[in-house]
Amino acid sequence: MRGKKRLIPLVLFVIIFLSIPLGAFAAFDDYGYNPQGRMFKGTLENWEAFLHNQPAVSWDPKATDVIFLERKWDKLFDPMLRGDIPLPGAWQKAKLWQYLSGEQAGWTWHQELEVVYSPNQPIAGAMELTANEMGIPGFYCVTFKEWQTGPKGQKVVIDDLSVNSGIIQKALKFTK
């Protein structure tokens, strides 16, 4: 009887494991791209290589003077990866960081941003991105944060812009 009690947690684990969709275990490719998760985690260099259909470059996740990039986007943004116009309300979030060297050794530069596509209605308080920056007009940066952290936990804020999500939703109602 005691052996059966030990088997119950194992059986529950197997049932739970098998019930998780396979997409949850989707892998990142050599670039750092995960199409099922609509995510990228790698270097800025490999993101550019991915977009231009060039080979991925190997990288060290602790290297200095390399810009690392983590991106996440919704389904509405997918057409943008093919060079097409996304659907209104499309968004993407990005985090960039770089471990600095030289006189700034031990410091890390950080940047976070969120971009929303609202082609028919401006988003109040957001930073409008030009067609030169995005390829088409109608994009707004609704979050832009830039800072550096030091080896002793110091934080130096360089820039901080955040638009209230209610303002974003109000603008998007006019877009659809």
N, C-alpha and C. Protein backbone atom coordinates (compact mmCIF):
# COMPACT_ATOMS: atom_id res chain seq x y z
N MET A 1 0.83 -1.20 0.00
CA MET A 1 0.00 0.00 0.00
C MET A 1 0.87 1.25 0.00
N ARG A 2 1.98 1.20 0.72
CA ARG A 2 2.86 2.36 0.83
C ARG A 2 3.45 2.73 -0.53
N GLY A 3 3.78 1.74 -1.35
CA GLY A 3 4.32 1.97 -2.68
C GLY A 3 3.33 2.68 -3.59
N LYS A 4 2.03 2.37 -3.43
CA LYS A 4 1.00 3.01 -4.25
C LYS A 4 0.87 4.48 -3.88
N LYS A 5 1.04 4.83 -2.61
CA LYS A 5 0.95 6.23 -2.19
C LYS A 5 2.10 7.05 -2.80
N ARG A 6 3.26 6.45 -2.95
CA ARG A 6 4.39 7.15 -3.57
C ARG A 6 4.18 7.31 -5.07
N LEU A 7 3.42 6.42 -5.67
CA LEU A 7 3.18 6.45 -7.10
C LEU A 7 2.18 7.53 -7.49
N ILE A 8 1.27 7.89 -6.61
CA ILE A 8 0.23 8.87 -6.92
C ILE A 8 0.83 10.22 -7.33
N PRO A 9 1.78 10.81 -6.60
CA PRO A 9 2.35 12.10 -7.04
C PRO A 9 3.03 11.99 -8.41
N LEU A 10 3.68 10.86 -8.69
CA LEU A 10 4.34 10.68 -9.97
C LEU A 10 3.31 10.63 -11.09
N VAL A 11 2.22 9.91 -10.89
CA VAL A 11 1.17 9.82 -11.89
C VAL A 11 0.54 11.19 -12.13
N LEU A 12 0.30 11.95 -11.06
CA LEU A 12 -0.26 13.30 -11.21
C LEU A 12 0.69 14.19 -12.00
N PHE A 13 2.00 14.09 -11.72
CA PHE A 13 2.99 14.86 -12.45
C PHE A 13 2.95 14.53 -13.95
N VAL A 14 2.89 13.26 -14.29
CA VAL A 14 2.85 12.84 -15.70
C VAL A 14 1.59 13.36 -16.37
N ILE A 15 0.45 13.30 -15.71
CA ILE A 15 -0.81 13.79 -16.27
C ILE A 15 -0.72 15.29 -16.52
N ILE A 16 -0.22 16.03 -15.55
CA ILE A 16 -0.09 17.48 -15.70
C ILE A 16 0.88 17.81 -16.84
N PHE A 17 2.01 17.11 -16.88
CA PHE A 17 3.02 17.33 -17.91
C PHE A 17 2.45 17.09 -19.30
N LEU A 18 1.70 16.03 -19.47
CA LEU A 18 1.14 15.71 -20.78
C LEU A 18 -0.01 16.63 -21.17
N SER A 19 -0.61 17.30 -20.21
CA SER A 19 -1.73 18.19 -20.54
C SER A 19 -1.26 19.58 -20.95
N ILE A 20 0.02 19.90 -20.78
CA ILE A 20 0.55 21.20 -21.17
C ILE A 20 0.72 21.20 -22.69
N PRO A 21 0.23 22.24 -23.38
CA PRO A 21 0.38 22.28 -24.83
C PRO A 21 1.86 22.25 -25.24
N LEU A 22 2.14 21.58 -26.35
CA LEU A 22 3.52 21.46 -26.81
C LEU A 22 4.13 22.82 -27.11
N GLY A 23 3.34 23.81 -27.49
CA GLY A 23 3.86 25.15 -27.77
C GLY A 23 4.51 25.78 -26.57
N ALA A 24 4.14 25.35 -25.37
CA ALA A 24 4.74 25.91 -24.16
C ALA A 24 6.21 25.52 -24.05
N PHE A 25 6.61 24.45 -24.74
CA PHE A 25 8.00 24.00 -24.69
C PHE A 25 8.76 24.34 -25.97
N ALA A 26 8.20 25.24 -26.78
CA ALA A 26 8.84 25.59 -28.04
C ALA A 26 10.23 26.16 -27.76
N ALA A 27 11.15 25.79 -28.60
CA ALA A 27 12.54 26.18 -28.40
C ALA A 27 12.87 27.45 -29.17
N PHE A 28 13.91 28.11 -28.72
CA PHE A 28 14.47 29.24 -29.43
C PHE A 28 15.46 28.70 -30.46
N ASP A 29 15.51 29.31 -31.62
CA ASP A 29 16.46 28.86 -32.63
C ASP A 29 17.84 29.50 -32.40
N ASP A 30 18.75 29.33 -33.34
CA ASP A 30 20.11 29.85 -33.20
C ASP A 30 20.16 31.37 -33.06
N TYR A 31 19.17 32.05 -33.65
CA TYR A 31 19.11 33.50 -33.55
C TYR A 31 18.67 33.95 -32.16
N GLY A 32 17.76 33.15 -31.57
CA GLY A 32 17.11 33.54 -30.32
C GLY A 32 15.62 33.74 -30.54
N TYR A 33 15.11 33.30 -31.70
CA TYR A 33 13.72 33.49 -32.09
C TYR A 33 12.88 32.28 -31.69
N ASN A 34 11.69 32.55 -31.15
CA ASN A 34 10.71 31.53 -30.79
C ASN A 34 9.39 31.92 -31.45
N PRO A 35 9.07 31.36 -32.63
CA PRO A 35 7.86 31.78 -33.34
C PRO A 35 6.56 31.45 -32.61
N GLN A 36 6.50 30.31 -31.92
CA GLN A 36 5.26 29.95 -31.22
C GLN A 36 4.99 30.91 -30.06
N GLY A 37 6.02 31.34 -29.39
CA GLY A 37 5.85 32.25 -28.26
C GLY A 37 5.86 33.71 -28.65
N ARG A 38 6.09 34.01 -29.93
CA ARG A 38 6.25 35.39 -30.41
C ARG A 38 7.26 36.11 -29.53
N MET A 39 8.44 35.51 -29.46
CA MET A 39 9.49 36.04 -28.60
C MET A 39 10.85 35.96 -29.28
N PHE A 40 11.73 36.80 -28.83
CA PHE A 40 13.12 36.76 -29.26
C PHE A 40 13.96 37.07 -28.03
N LYS A 41 15.03 36.31 -27.83
CA LYS A 41 15.96 36.61 -26.75
C LYS A 41 17.36 36.24 -27.25
N GLY A 42 18.13 37.26 -27.50
CA GLY A 42 19.47 37.07 -28.05
C GLY A 42 20.20 38.39 -28.12
N THR A 43 20.97 38.58 -29.16
CA THR A 43 21.70 39.83 -29.33
C THR A 43 21.00 40.68 -30.39
N LEU A 44 21.24 41.97 -30.33
CA LEU A 44 20.70 42.87 -31.34
C LEU A 44 21.27 42.48 -32.71
N GLU A 45 22.53 42.06 -32.73
CA GLU A 45 23.16 41.63 -33.98
C GLU A 45 22.41 40.44 -34.59
N ASN A 46 22.01 39.47 -33.78
CA ASN A 46 21.29 38.32 -34.31
C ASN A 46 19.85 38.67 -34.71
N TRP A 47 19.24 39.65 -34.05
CA TRP A 47 17.92 40.10 -34.47
C TRP A 47 18.00 40.67 -35.88
N GLU A 48 19.02 41.52 -36.10
CA GLU A 48 19.23 42.10 -37.43
C GLU A 48 19.52 41.00 -38.45
N ALA A 49 20.34 40.03 -38.09
CA ALA A 49 20.66 38.92 -38.99
C ALA A 49 19.39 38.13 -39.33
N PHE A 50 18.54 37.91 -38.34
CA PHE A 50 17.28 37.20 -38.55
C PHE A 50 16.40 37.95 -39.55
N LEU A 51 16.26 39.26 -39.35
CA LEU A 51 15.40 40.06 -40.23
C LEU A 51 15.92 40.10 -41.66
N HIS A 52 17.25 40.05 -41.82
CA HIS A 52 17.86 40.15 -43.15
C HIS A 52 18.25 38.78 -43.72
N ASN A 53 17.77 37.73 -43.08
CA ASN A 53 18.01 36.36 -43.55
C ASN A 53 19.50 36.04 -43.70
N GLN A 54 20.28 36.49 -42.72
CA GLN A 54 21.71 36.20 -42.69
C GLN A 54 21.97 35.19 -41.58
N PRO A 55 23.12 34.51 -41.61
CA PRO A 55 23.40 33.49 -40.59
C PRO A 55 23.51 34.09 -39.18
N ALA A 56 23.08 33.30 -38.20
CA ALA A 56 23.19 33.70 -36.80
C ALA A 56 24.65 33.65 -36.37
N VAL A 57 24.99 34.49 -35.41
CA VAL A 57 26.35 34.54 -34.86
C VAL A 57 26.29 34.02 -33.43
N SER A 58 27.23 33.17 -33.05
CA SER A 58 27.24 32.67 -31.67
C SER A 58 27.57 33.83 -30.73
N TRP A 59 27.09 33.72 -29.49
CA TRP A 59 27.30 34.81 -28.54
C TRP A 59 27.37 34.28 -27.12
N ASP A 60 28.01 35.07 -26.27
CA ASP A 60 28.17 34.76 -24.85
C ASP A 60 27.20 35.64 -24.07
N PRO A 61 26.29 35.06 -23.28
CA PRO A 61 25.30 35.85 -22.56
C PRO A 61 25.87 36.78 -21.49
N LYS A 62 27.16 36.67 -21.22
CA LYS A 62 27.77 37.55 -20.21
C LYS A 62 28.81 38.49 -20.83
N ALA A 63 28.85 38.56 -22.16
CA ALA A 63 29.85 39.38 -22.85
C ALA A 63 29.64 40.86 -22.56
N THR A 64 30.73 41.60 -22.54
CA THR A 64 30.63 43.05 -22.39
C THR A 64 30.56 43.69 -23.77
N ASP A 65 30.01 44.88 -23.80
CA ASP A 65 29.91 45.68 -25.02
C ASP A 65 29.10 45.02 -26.13
N VAL A 66 28.18 44.13 -25.76
CA VAL A 66 27.25 43.50 -26.70
C VAL A 66 25.85 43.93 -26.26
N ILE A 67 25.04 44.38 -27.21
CA ILE A 67 23.67 44.76 -26.86
C ILE A 67 22.80 43.52 -26.95
N PHE A 68 22.19 43.16 -25.82
CA PHE A 68 21.28 42.03 -25.74
C PHE A 68 19.86 42.54 -25.89
N LEU A 69 19.00 41.69 -26.43
CA LEU A 69 17.64 42.09 -26.75
C LEU A 69 16.66 40.99 -26.39
N GLU A 70 15.59 41.39 -25.74
CA GLU A 70 14.47 40.49 -25.46
C GLU A 70 13.22 41.18 -25.98
N ARG A 71 12.51 40.52 -26.90
CA ARG A 71 11.31 41.10 -27.51
C ARG A 71 10.13 40.16 -27.33
N LYS A 72 8.95 40.74 -27.23
CA LYS A 72 7.69 40.00 -27.15
C LYS A 72 6.67 40.83 -27.91
N TRP A 73 5.78 40.16 -28.67
CA TRP A 73 4.77 40.88 -29.43
C TRP A 73 3.50 40.04 -29.52
N ASP A 74 2.42 40.70 -29.90
CA ASP A 74 1.15 39.98 -30.04
C ASP A 74 0.92 39.55 -31.49
N LYS A 75 -0.12 38.79 -31.69
CA LYS A 75 -0.44 38.24 -33.01
C LYS A 75 -0.69 39.35 -34.04
N LEU A 76 -1.26 40.46 -33.60
CA LEU A 76 -1.56 41.57 -34.51
C LEU A 76 -0.28 42.17 -35.09
N PHE A 77 0.84 42.00 -34.39
CA PHE A 77 2.12 42.55 -34.83
C PHE A 77 2.85 41.63 -35.81
N ASP A 78 2.46 40.37 -35.89
CA ASP A 78 3.13 39.39 -36.76
C ASP A 78 3.38 39.87 -38.19
N PRO A 79 2.41 40.52 -38.86
CA PRO A 79 2.67 40.96 -40.24
C PRO A 79 3.90 41.88 -40.35
N MET A 80 4.19 42.62 -39.31
CA MET A 80 5.32 43.55 -39.33
C MET A 80 6.64 42.80 -39.52
N LEU A 81 6.73 41.57 -39.04
CA LEU A 81 7.95 40.78 -39.20
C LEU A 81 8.19 40.40 -40.66
N ARG A 82 7.13 40.40 -41.45
CA ARG A 82 7.24 40.10 -42.88
C ARG A 82 7.33 41.36 -43.72
N GLY A 83 7.34 42.52 -43.05
CA GLY A 83 7.39 43.79 -43.77
C GLY A 83 6.03 44.31 -44.19
N ASP A 84 4.96 43.69 -43.65
CA ASP A 84 3.59 44.12 -43.97
C ASP A 84 3.05 45.02 -42.87
N ILE A 85 1.94 45.66 -43.15
CA ILE A 85 1.32 46.55 -42.18
C ILE A 85 0.61 45.71 -41.12
N PRO A 86 0.87 45.99 -39.83
CA PRO A 86 0.19 45.23 -38.78
C PRO A 86 -1.26 45.71 -38.63
N LEU A 87 -2.01 45.02 -37.81
CA LEU A 87 -3.38 45.41 -37.53
C LEU A 87 -3.42 46.45 -36.42
N PRO A 88 -4.40 47.34 -36.43
CA PRO A 88 -4.51 48.33 -35.36
C PRO A 88 -4.55 47.66 -33.99
N GLY A 89 -3.86 48.27 -33.06
CA GLY A 89 -3.77 47.72 -31.70
C GLY A 89 -2.57 46.82 -31.51
N ALA A 90 -1.83 46.53 -32.58
CA ALA A 90 -0.64 45.68 -32.48
C ALA A 90 0.36 46.31 -31.51
N TRP A 91 1.04 45.47 -30.77
CA TRP A 91 2.04 45.97 -29.83
C TRP A 91 3.27 45.06 -29.81
N GLN A 92 4.35 45.64 -29.37
CA GLN A 92 5.57 44.88 -29.10
C GLN A 92 6.26 45.54 -27.91
N LYS A 93 6.92 44.70 -27.12
CA LYS A 93 7.71 45.17 -25.99
C LYS A 93 9.15 44.73 -26.22
N ALA A 94 10.08 45.55 -25.81
CA ALA A 94 11.49 45.20 -25.97
C ALA A 94 12.26 45.64 -24.73
N LYS A 95 13.22 44.79 -24.38
CA LYS A 95 14.17 45.11 -23.31
C LYS A 95 15.56 44.95 -23.92
N LEU A 96 16.38 45.95 -23.73
CA LEU A 96 17.76 45.90 -24.20
C LEU A 96 18.67 46.11 -23.00
N TRP A 97 19.83 45.49 -23.02
CA TRP A 97 20.82 45.73 -21.98
C TRP A 97 22.21 45.46 -22.53
N GLN A 98 23.18 46.09 -21.89
CA GLN A 98 24.57 45.95 -22.30
C GLN A 98 25.45 46.03 -21.06
N TYR A 99 26.30 45.02 -20.90
CA TYR A 99 27.28 45.03 -19.82
C TYR A 99 28.45 45.87 -20.30
N LEU A 100 28.72 46.96 -19.58
CA LEU A 100 29.71 47.93 -20.03
C LEU A 100 31.12 47.53 -19.60
N SER A 101 32.10 48.07 -20.32
CA SER A 101 33.51 47.78 -20.01
C SER A 101 34.27 49.09 -19.88
N GLY A 102 35.59 49.00 -19.80
CA GLY A 102 36.43 50.19 -19.69
C GLY A 102 36.19 50.92 -18.39
N GLU A 103 36.08 52.23 -18.45
CA GLU A 103 35.85 53.04 -17.24
C GLU A 103 34.50 52.74 -16.59
N GLN A 104 33.58 52.15 -17.34
CA GLN A 104 32.25 51.84 -16.82
C GLN A 104 32.10 50.35 -16.50
N ALA A 105 33.19 49.64 -16.38
CA ALA A 105 33.15 48.21 -16.07
C ALA A 105 32.34 47.99 -14.79
N GLY A 106 31.48 46.99 -14.82
CA GLY A 106 30.62 46.70 -13.68
C GLY A 106 29.25 47.34 -13.79
N TRP A 107 29.10 48.29 -14.68
CA TRP A 107 27.82 48.95 -14.90
C TRP A 107 27.09 48.25 -16.04
N THR A 108 25.76 48.33 -15.99
CA THR A 108 24.92 47.77 -17.05
C THR A 108 23.95 48.84 -17.51
N TRP A 109 23.89 49.02 -18.83
CA TRP A 109 22.93 49.93 -19.43
C TRP A 109 21.66 49.14 -19.75
N HIS A 110 20.48 49.75 -19.49
CA HIS A 110 19.18 49.10 -19.72
C HIS A 110 18.26 50.06 -20.49
N GLN A 111 17.39 49.47 -21.29
CA GLN A 111 16.35 50.23 -21.96
C GLN A 111 15.14 49.32 -22.13
N GLU A 112 13.97 49.85 -21.82
CA GLU A 112 12.71 49.12 -22.03
C GLU A 112 11.79 50.03 -22.83
N LEU A 113 11.08 49.42 -23.77
CA LEU A 113 10.11 50.20 -24.52
C LEU A 113 8.93 49.34 -24.94
N GLU A 114 7.82 50.01 -25.14
CA GLU A 114 6.62 49.35 -25.67
C GLU A 114 6.07 50.25 -26.76
N VAL A 115 5.76 49.63 -27.89
CA VAL A 115 5.27 50.34 -29.06
C VAL A 115 3.89 49.80 -29.41
N VAL A 116 2.95 50.70 -29.74
CA VAL A 116 1.59 50.34 -30.10
C VAL A 116 1.26 50.97 -31.45
N TYR A 117 0.56 50.21 -32.30
CA TYR A 117 0.16 50.72 -33.61
C TYR A 117 -1.26 51.27 -33.52
N SER A 118 -1.38 52.57 -33.71
CA SER A 118 -2.67 53.25 -33.67
C SER A 118 -2.72 54.21 -34.87
N PRO A 119 -3.04 53.69 -36.06
CA PRO A 119 -2.91 54.49 -37.28
C PRO A 119 -3.93 55.62 -37.44
N ASN A 120 -5.07 55.51 -36.78
CA ASN A 120 -6.13 56.50 -37.00
C ASN A 120 -6.32 57.49 -35.86
N GLN A 121 -5.70 57.24 -34.73
CA GLN A 121 -5.89 58.11 -33.57
C GLN A 121 -4.58 58.24 -32.80
N PRO A 122 -4.11 59.47 -32.61
CA PRO A 122 -2.89 59.64 -31.81
C PRO A 122 -3.11 59.18 -30.37
N ILE A 123 -2.05 58.75 -29.72
CA ILE A 123 -2.12 58.35 -28.31
C ILE A 123 -1.53 59.49 -27.50
N ALA A 124 -2.39 60.16 -26.74
CA ALA A 124 -1.97 61.32 -25.96
C ALA A 124 -0.85 60.96 -25.00
N GLY A 125 0.19 61.80 -24.99
CA GLY A 125 1.31 61.61 -24.08
C GLY A 125 2.36 60.63 -24.57
N ALA A 126 2.07 59.92 -25.66
CA ALA A 126 3.02 58.95 -26.21
C ALA A 126 3.96 59.66 -27.19
N MET A 127 5.08 59.03 -27.47
CA MET A 127 6.05 59.55 -28.41
C MET A 127 5.72 58.97 -29.79
N GLU A 128 5.37 59.83 -30.73
CA GLU A 128 5.05 59.35 -32.08
C GLU A 128 6.34 58.94 -32.78
N LEU A 129 6.30 57.77 -33.38
CA LEU A 129 7.46 57.28 -34.13
C LEU A 129 7.23 57.56 -35.61
N THR A 130 8.25 58.02 -36.27
CA THR A 130 8.10 58.42 -37.67
C THR A 130 8.11 57.20 -38.59
N ALA A 131 7.68 57.44 -39.82
CA ALA A 131 7.71 56.38 -40.84
C ALA A 131 9.15 55.97 -41.12
N ASN A 132 10.10 56.88 -40.98
CA ASN A 132 11.52 56.53 -41.15
C ASN A 132 11.98 55.55 -40.09
N GLU A 133 11.46 55.68 -38.87
CA GLU A 133 11.87 54.80 -37.77
C GLU A 133 11.20 53.43 -37.85
N MET A 134 9.94 53.38 -38.29
CA MET A 134 9.17 52.14 -38.24
C MET A 134 8.80 51.58 -39.62
N GLY A 135 9.00 52.35 -40.66
CA GLY A 135 8.64 51.89 -41.99
C GLY A 135 7.28 52.39 -42.43
N ILE A 136 6.39 52.66 -41.47
CA ILE A 136 5.06 53.21 -41.74
C ILE A 136 4.68 54.13 -40.58
N PRO A 137 3.79 55.10 -40.83
CA PRO A 137 3.34 55.96 -39.72
C PRO A 137 2.29 55.25 -38.88
N GLY A 138 2.00 55.81 -37.71
CA GLY A 138 0.94 55.28 -36.86
C GLY A 138 1.42 54.54 -35.63
N PHE A 139 2.73 54.47 -35.44
CA PHE A 139 3.28 53.81 -34.26
C PHE A 139 3.56 54.84 -33.17
N TYR A 140 3.29 54.42 -31.93
CA TYR A 140 3.53 55.28 -30.77
C TYR A 140 4.29 54.51 -29.71
N CYS A 141 5.31 55.13 -29.18
CA CYS A 141 6.05 54.56 -28.06
C CYS A 141 5.31 54.97 -26.80
N VAL A 142 4.74 54.01 -26.10
CA VAL A 142 3.94 54.31 -24.91
C VAL A 142 4.72 54.07 -23.62
N THR A 143 5.84 53.38 -23.72
CA THR A 143 6.75 53.19 -22.59
C THR A 143 8.16 53.31 -23.11
N PHE A 144 8.95 54.15 -22.46
CA PHE A 144 10.35 54.27 -22.79
C PHE A 144 11.10 54.55 -21.49
N LYS A 145 11.89 53.60 -21.07
CA LYS A 145 12.66 53.75 -19.85
C LYS A 145 14.11 53.42 -20.17
N GLU A 146 15.01 54.26 -19.68
CA GLU A 146 16.43 54.03 -19.88
C GLU A 146 17.15 54.34 -18.57
N TRP A 147 18.05 53.44 -18.16
CA TRP A 147 18.78 53.63 -16.92
C TRP A 147 20.06 52.80 -16.94
N GLN A 148 20.90 53.08 -15.96
CA GLN A 148 22.10 52.27 -15.75
C GLN A 148 22.12 51.79 -14.32
N THR A 149 22.61 50.57 -14.13
CA THR A 149 22.80 50.04 -12.78
C THR A 149 24.28 49.81 -12.56
N GLY A 150 24.71 50.10 -11.33
CA GLY A 150 26.12 49.97 -11.00
C GLY A 150 26.42 48.68 -10.26
N PRO A 151 27.70 48.43 -10.05
CA PRO A 151 28.11 47.18 -9.39
C PRO A 151 27.65 47.07 -7.94
N LYS A 152 27.29 48.20 -7.33
CA LYS A 152 26.83 48.17 -5.93
C LYS A 152 25.33 48.42 -5.83
N GLY A 153 24.62 48.20 -6.94
CA GLY A 153 23.17 48.36 -6.93
C GLY A 153 22.69 49.78 -7.20
N GLN A 154 23.60 50.68 -7.51
CA GLN A 154 23.18 52.04 -7.83
C GLN A 154 22.31 52.03 -9.08
N LYS A 155 21.39 52.99 -9.14
CA LYS A 155 20.55 53.11 -10.33
C LYS A 155 20.51 54.56 -10.74
N VAL A 156 20.88 54.81 -11.99
CA VAL A 156 20.86 56.16 -12.53
C VAL A 156 19.82 56.18 -13.65
N VAL A 157 18.71 56.90 -13.43
CA VAL A 157 17.64 56.97 -14.43
C VAL A 157 18.02 58.03 -15.46
N ILE A 158 17.96 57.63 -16.73
CA ILE A 158 18.27 58.53 -17.82
C ILE A 158 16.99 59.10 -18.42
N ASP A 159 15.98 58.26 -18.61
CA ASP A 159 14.71 58.68 -19.19
C ASP A 159 13.60 57.78 -18.69
N ASP A 160 12.39 58.33 -18.53
CA ASP A 160 11.26 57.53 -18.04
C ASP A 160 9.96 58.11 -18.57
N LEU A 161 9.35 57.44 -19.55
CA LEU A 161 8.07 57.83 -20.12
C LEU A 161 7.14 56.64 -20.03
N SER A 162 6.00 56.83 -19.43
CA SER A 162 4.99 55.76 -19.37
C SER A 162 3.61 56.39 -19.54
N VAL A 163 2.87 55.91 -20.52
CA VAL A 163 1.51 56.39 -20.78
C VAL A 163 0.54 55.46 -20.08
N ASN A 164 -0.44 56.02 -19.44
CA ASN A 164 -1.47 55.26 -18.74
C ASN A 164 -2.19 54.34 -19.72
N SER A 165 -2.40 53.09 -19.34
CA SER A 165 -3.04 52.12 -20.23
C SER A 165 -4.46 52.53 -20.62
N GLY A 166 -5.15 53.27 -19.77
CA GLY A 166 -6.50 53.75 -20.10
C GLY A 166 -6.48 54.71 -21.28
N ILE A 167 -5.45 55.54 -21.36
CA ILE A 167 -5.31 56.48 -22.48
C ILE A 167 -5.05 55.70 -23.77
N ILE A 168 -4.25 54.65 -23.67
CA ILE A 168 -3.94 53.81 -24.85
C ILE A 168 -5.23 53.15 -25.34
N GLN A 169 -5.98 52.55 -24.43
CA GLN A 169 -7.21 51.86 -24.81
C GLN A 169 -8.23 52.83 -25.43
N LYS A 170 -8.30 54.05 -24.89
CA LYS A 170 -9.23 55.06 -25.43
C LYS A 170 -8.86 55.39 -26.87
N ALA A 171 -7.57 55.57 -27.15
CA ALA A 171 -7.12 55.88 -28.52
C ALA A 171 -7.41 54.71 -29.45
N LEU A 172 -7.22 53.48 -28.98
CA LEU A 172 -7.42 52.31 -29.83
C LEU A 172 -8.89 52.08 -30.17
N LYS A 173 -9.81 52.56 -29.34
CA LYS A 173 -11.24 52.43 -29.65
C LYS A 173 -11.57 53.16 -30.95
N PHE A 174 -10.86 54.27 -31.22
CA PHE A 174 -11.12 55.04 -32.43
C PHE A 174 -10.42 54.44 -33.65
N THR A 175 -9.52 53.50 -33.41
CA THR A 175 -8.73 52.90 -34.48
C THR A 175 -9.46 51.77 -35.16
N LYS A 176 -10.32 51.10 -34.46
CA LYS A 176 -10.97 49.90 -35.01
C LYS A 176 -12.22 50.20 -35.76
